Each structure stands twice: as C-alpha cells, then as structure tokens.
Protein backbone atom coordinates (compact mmCIF):
# COMPACT_ATOMS: atom_id res chain seq x y z
CA UNK A 1 14.04 -8.20 7.47
CA UNK A 2 11.14 -9.90 5.49
CA UNK A 3 8.74 -11.39 7.88
CA UNK A 4 6.19 -14.19 6.64
CA UNK A 5 2.91 -14.92 8.24
CA UNK A 6 1.44 -18.42 8.21
CA UNK A 7 -1.35 -18.98 5.66
CA UNK A 8 -3.84 -19.31 8.23
CA UNK A 9 -4.21 -15.67 9.17
CA UNK A 10 -5.19 -14.77 5.30
CA UNK A 11 -8.66 -15.84 5.34
CA UNK A 12 -8.99 -13.60 8.70
CA UNK A 13 -7.67 -10.70 7.09
CA UNK A 14 -9.19 -11.12 3.77
CA UNK A 15 -12.93 -11.25 5.50
CA UNK A 16 -12.44 -7.80 7.17
CA UNK A 17 -12.47 -6.38 3.74
CA UNK A 18 -15.77 -5.44 1.56
CA UNK A 19 -16.83 -8.16 -0.77
CA UNK A 20 -19.18 -7.72 -3.51
CA UNK A 21 -20.82 -10.07 -6.28
CA UNK A 22 -19.72 -10.64 -9.99
CA UNK A 23 -23.31 -10.36 -11.69
CA UNK A 24 -23.68 -8.80 -15.06
CA UNK A 25 -21.53 -7.30 -17.19
CA UNK A 26 -18.79 -4.74 -15.87
CA UNK A 27 -18.25 -1.55 -18.02
CA UNK A 28 -14.27 -0.90 -17.91
CA UNK A 29 -14.37 2.31 -16.47
CA UNK A 30 -16.74 1.25 -13.52
CA UNK A 31 -15.55 1.67 -10.17
CA UNK A 32 -15.73 -1.73 -8.40
CA UNK A 33 -15.13 -3.10 -4.98
CA UNK A 34 -12.52 -5.79 -4.28
CA UNK A 35 -13.59 -9.36 -4.59
CA UNK A 36 -11.90 -12.81 -3.41
CA UNK A 37 -12.60 -16.56 -4.81
CA UNK A 38 -10.32 -19.29 -4.08
CA UNK A 39 -8.58 -19.07 -7.10
CA UNK A 40 -7.63 -15.48 -8.39
CA UNK A 41 -5.64 -13.36 -10.49
CA UNK A 42 -2.89 -11.72 -8.59
CA UNK A 43 -1.61 -9.81 -11.37
CA UNK A 44 2.12 -10.11 -11.68
CA UNK A 45 2.02 -13.05 -9.48
CA UNK A 46 -0.45 -14.79 -11.92
CA UNK A 47 -3.04 -17.05 -10.91
CA UNK A 48 -2.81 -17.95 -7.14
CA UNK A 49 -5.03 -20.17 -4.86
CA UNK A 50 -5.13 -17.99 -2.19
CA UNK A 51 -5.15 -20.71 0.64
CA UNK A 52 -1.62 -22.00 -0.30
CA UNK A 53 -0.30 -18.42 -0.01
CA UNK A 54 1.19 -16.17 2.91
CA UNK A 55 -0.51 -13.14 4.45
CA UNK A 56 0.88 -10.70 2.17
CA UNK A 57 1.55 -12.57 -0.97
CA UNK A 58 -1.34 -11.48 -3.15
CA UNK A 59 -2.58 -9.30 -0.56
CA UNK A 60 -5.18 -6.88 -1.57
CA UNK A 61 -4.95 -2.99 -0.74
CA UNK A 62 -8.53 -2.04 0.29
CA UNK A 63 -9.76 0.73 -1.68
CA UNK A 64 -9.88 4.10 0.21
CA UNK A 65 -10.36 8.01 0.11
CA UNK A 66 -8.22 9.90 2.53
CA UNK A 67 -7.02 14.01 2.76
CA UNK A 68 -3.28 14.53 3.69
CA UNK A 69 -1.72 17.13 5.78
CA UNK A 70 -2.03 19.50 3.18
CA UNK A 71 -5.89 18.74 2.52
CA UNK A 72 -5.11 16.89 -0.74
CA UNK A 73 -7.37 14.06 -1.37
CA UNK A 74 -5.78 10.25 -2.16
CA UNK A 75 -8.25 7.80 -3.59
CA UNK A 76 -7.58 4.46 -4.36
CA UNK A 77 -9.84 2.94 -7.19
CA UNK A 78 -10.22 0.01 -9.14
CA UNK A 79 -11.98 -0.90 -12.37
CA UNK A 80 -12.61 -4.14 -14.08
CA UNK A 81 -10.40 -4.48 -17.38
CA UNK A 82 -11.59 -7.69 -19.65
CA UNK A 83 -8.19 -7.81 -21.50
CA UNK A 84 -6.08 -8.43 -18.39
CA UNK A 85 -7.21 -11.84 -17.36
CA UNK A 86 -10.67 -10.28 -16.57
CA UNK A 87 -9.25 -8.83 -13.29
CA UNK A 88 -8.84 -5.30 -11.57
CA UNK A 89 -6.88 -2.62 -13.08
CA UNK A 90 -6.21 0.00 -10.08
CA UNK A 91 -4.64 3.37 -9.54
CA UNK A 92 -3.92 5.82 -7.04
CA UNK A 93 -5.40 9.28 -7.57
CA UNK A 94 -3.05 12.03 -5.61
CA UNK A 95 -4.85 15.22 -6.15
CA UNK A 96 -4.72 15.76 -10.00
CA UNK A 97 -1.82 13.00 -10.58
CA UNK A 98 -3.00 9.23 -11.70
CA UNK A 99 -0.32 7.00 -10.38
CA UNK A 100 -0.52 3.56 -12.35
CA UNK A 101 2.45 1.92 -11.35
CA UNK A 102 4.25 0.28 -8.45
CA UNK A 103 3.77 2.41 -5.60
CA UNK A 104 4.71 2.10 -1.65
CA UNK A 105 2.17 2.44 1.39
CA UNK A 106 4.37 3.41 4.39
CA UNK A 107 2.77 2.82 7.68
CA UNK A 108 4.34 4.46 11.02
CA UNK A 109 3.06 6.73 14.16
CA UNK A 110 3.80 10.42 14.77
CA UNK A 111 5.65 8.89 18.27
CA UNK A 112 8.07 6.29 16.66
CA UNK A 113 11.02 8.48 16.42
CA UNK A 114 13.43 5.64 16.04
CA UNK A 115 11.27 4.74 12.85
CA UNK A 116 12.70 8.19 11.37
CA UNK A 117 15.69 6.59 10.27
CA UNK A 118 13.90 4.31 8.28
CA UNK A 119 11.52 6.79 6.79
CA UNK A 120 14.43 8.75 5.92
CA UNK A 121 16.18 5.88 3.92
CA UNK A 122 12.35 5.17 2.06
CA UNK A 123 12.25 9.08 1.43
CA UNK A 124 15.34 8.98 -0.49
CA UNK A 125 14.95 5.37 -2.45
CA UNK A 126 11.27 5.94 -3.60
CA UNK A 127 10.60 8.19 -6.71
CA UNK A 128 8.50 11.63 -6.23
CA UNK A 129 4.68 10.89 -5.94
CA UNK A 130 5.45 6.99 -5.55
CA UNK A 131 5.06 6.78 -1.70
CA UNK A 132 2.43 7.89 0.97
CA UNK A 133 3.03 8.24 4.62
CA UNK A 134 0.30 6.48 6.88
CA UNK A 135 -0.30 6.95 10.63
CA UNK A 136 -1.53 3.49 12.10
CA UNK A 137 -2.05 5.13 15.76
CA UNK A 138 -5.78 5.93 16.25
CA UNK A 139 -5.21 8.01 19.57
CA UNK A 140 -6.60 11.58 18.72
CA UNK A 141 -3.48 13.20 20.33
CA UNK A 142 -1.22 11.70 17.45
CA UNK A 143 -3.57 12.79 14.64
CA UNK A 144 -2.16 15.86 13.65
CA UNK A 145 -0.50 15.20 10.55
CA UNK A 146 0.80 18.36 9.67
CA UNK A 147 2.81 18.50 13.02
CA UNK A 148 4.07 14.97 12.06
CA UNK A 149 5.58 16.18 9.12
CA UNK A 150 6.98 19.30 10.33
CA UNK A 151 8.58 17.31 13.51
CA UNK A 152 9.62 14.49 11.53
CA UNK A 153 11.45 16.86 9.09
CA UNK A 154 13.25 18.83 11.78
CA UNK A 155 14.56 15.67 13.16
CA UNK A 156 15.62 13.96 10.18
CA UNK A 157 17.37 17.52 9.05
CA UNK A 158 15.42 17.83 5.72
CA UNK A 159 12.23 18.55 4.39
CA UNK A 160 10.24 15.23 3.82
CA UNK A 161 8.01 16.49 1.05
CA UNK A 162 5.27 13.49 1.07
CA UNK A 163 1.69 13.00 1.89
CA UNK A 164 1.14 12.33 5.70
CA UNK A 165 -2.38 10.94 5.98
CA UNK A 166 -4.33 9.85 9.29
CA UNK A 167 -5.23 6.27 8.38
CA UNK A 168 -5.91 3.79 11.22
CA UNK A 169 -8.56 1.70 9.52
CA UNK A 170 -6.55 1.32 6.69
CA UNK A 171 -3.70 -0.20 8.66
CA UNK A 172 -6.18 -2.26 10.74
CA UNK A 173 -7.48 -3.37 7.68
CA UNK A 174 -3.99 -4.52 6.05
CA UNK A 175 -3.02 -6.29 9.45
CA UNK A 176 -0.22 -3.86 10.28
CA UNK A 177 1.13 -4.45 13.82
CA UNK A 178 4.31 -3.63 13.72
CA UNK A 179 6.27 -0.50 12.36
CA UNK A 180 7.79 0.77 10.59
CA UNK A 181 6.10 -1.30 7.56
CA UNK A 182 6.00 -0.70 3.78
CA UNK A 183 3.72 -2.47 1.11
CA UNK A 184 4.92 -2.61 -2.58
CA UNK A 185 1.84 -2.45 -4.57
CA UNK A 186 1.42 -3.15 -8.26
CA UNK A 187 -1.20 -1.90 -10.69
CA UNK A 188 -3.68 -4.93 -9.59
CA UNK A 189 -3.80 -3.74 -6.24
CA UNK A 190 -1.51 -6.34 -4.88
CA UNK A 191 1.20 -6.39 -2.52
CA UNK A 192 4.09 -7.99 -4.46
CA UNK A 193 6.84 -7.15 -1.57
CA UNK A 194 6.53 -5.93 1.83
CA UNK A 195 8.97 -5.13 4.81
CA UNK A 196 8.60 -4.74 8.43
CA UNK A 197 11.41 -3.29 10.79
CA UNK A 198 13.87 -0.85 10.47
CA UNK A 199 15.78 -0.32 7.12
CA UNK A 200 18.61 2.19 6.57
CA UNK A 201 20.21 1.46 3.12
CA UNK A 202 18.72 3.49 0.58
CA UNK A 203 20.38 1.43 -2.36
CA UNK A 204 18.54 -1.85 -0.81
CA UNK A 205 15.25 -0.03 -0.95
CA UNK A 206 15.78 1.27 -4.38
CA UNK A 207 16.58 -2.49 -5.70
CA UNK A 208 13.31 -3.45 -3.78
CA UNK A 209 11.27 -1.11 -5.50
CA UNK A 210 13.07 -1.63 -9.04
CA UNK A 211 12.59 -5.28 -8.39
CA UNK A 212 8.74 -4.62 -7.79
CA UNK A 213 8.57 -2.68 -11.37
CA UNK A 214 10.30 -5.80 -13.35
CA UNK A 215 7.82 -7.99 -11.47
CA UNK A 216 5.08 -5.97 -12.72
CA UNK A 217 6.09 -4.85 -16.22
CA UNK A 218 6.40 -8.89 -16.69
CA UNK A 219 2.70 -9.39 -16.31
CA UNK A 220 1.57 -6.42 -18.18
C-alpha cells in the first residue's frame, strides 16, 4: 500500500542532505552535490514547489559510495546538464556498469524474515542490474551482507543474485523507518514512486517499474 507523509516533514528530511552553492559555471562532467531550492526541477515531475509536496514526491536520493557483499563498489553520482532544464543527471555506477535509467533502492534488514516474500517478488519483477538491496540496521551483528544474502536465498528457495549493501546512514537520510521499503529512482535522482510494506504480486511490481520508466521517458 502506498503511504503518503505530510509535506511538513519534507524540509526536515531535506536538511539532512548536503547542501552546496551554485556559483560559477559548472562543467557537464563535473561531479556535484545535490542542492535544494524552493522551486526545483524534479526531472520527470517537472518544476515543483517543494513546500507543496509530500515527503517522497520529488525526494532526492543522496549521493553514496558503498561496497556490496562481493566487494563490488556502487557509487551514485550526479553532474549538471545545462541542456536538460539546468538540472542534475545522475547515474548509478555498479562496478563496470553504469545505470542511466530507473532503478530500485530496496531497504530491509537481515532479521526481517517475513519481509523475504516481498524481496522474492521484487527480485522477480525488477530487471537485472536495476535493484540494490540495502540493510538499514546499524547493529554490527546484522552487518554481514554475505550471510544475509546466503540465508535469504536459502529461505526463499533460490539464489538472489543482487548486491546486498550495509547502508544504515543512507536509510536514515531517506527517512526509512518501516520495512520493507522500495524507492523507484529516475535519472535525475528523483523518487518517482515508492512503496512501504509487504508486496507479493510480481505483476503489480512490474507494472510499477514500467510506469516509472514511462514517466521518466516522458521528460527526457
């Protein structure tokens, strides 16, 4: 079930993100930090006043740099593109791959075994290389991502060949409290859809992903 939070919480969450100024001319290939204005280009959602939207509409995924259970590096970077509404164009670098379309950030924990029905559905619905699995629990006893991957695969009954990443700071910055929670992210780093709670219908999740792709493409 989709869950909407009050817009009053939006500014609190945004203040947790790094801010940067915009002085000077920015080269297209220069790595930049996210910045926030009262009005901003929200990619597929167009120009939006951030005071009039709910928490995850036009939410921006923080920049990050993590290694997964296999030691592969996953970096989320953005650069300024002056030809697309003077907004950011972001890409997910997963090892040698560069993901430049909608991808899914899936949050859960190793101890939430009842969440694995949802993980199983997402794993079947989301295309290969388009989903990262993040652990939100900062307790060291739940920080072994290889064990989580192995145990989850055993309980589900098949291999889950996705990156498992220890990322409590990222979960905190995004305001993830309940699990499982998944964010659908476009090329501007904008959350264009999200879900909180159990989901087991693979076709429904596929439809959500395809709708996110269509929404993204309508703006590019």
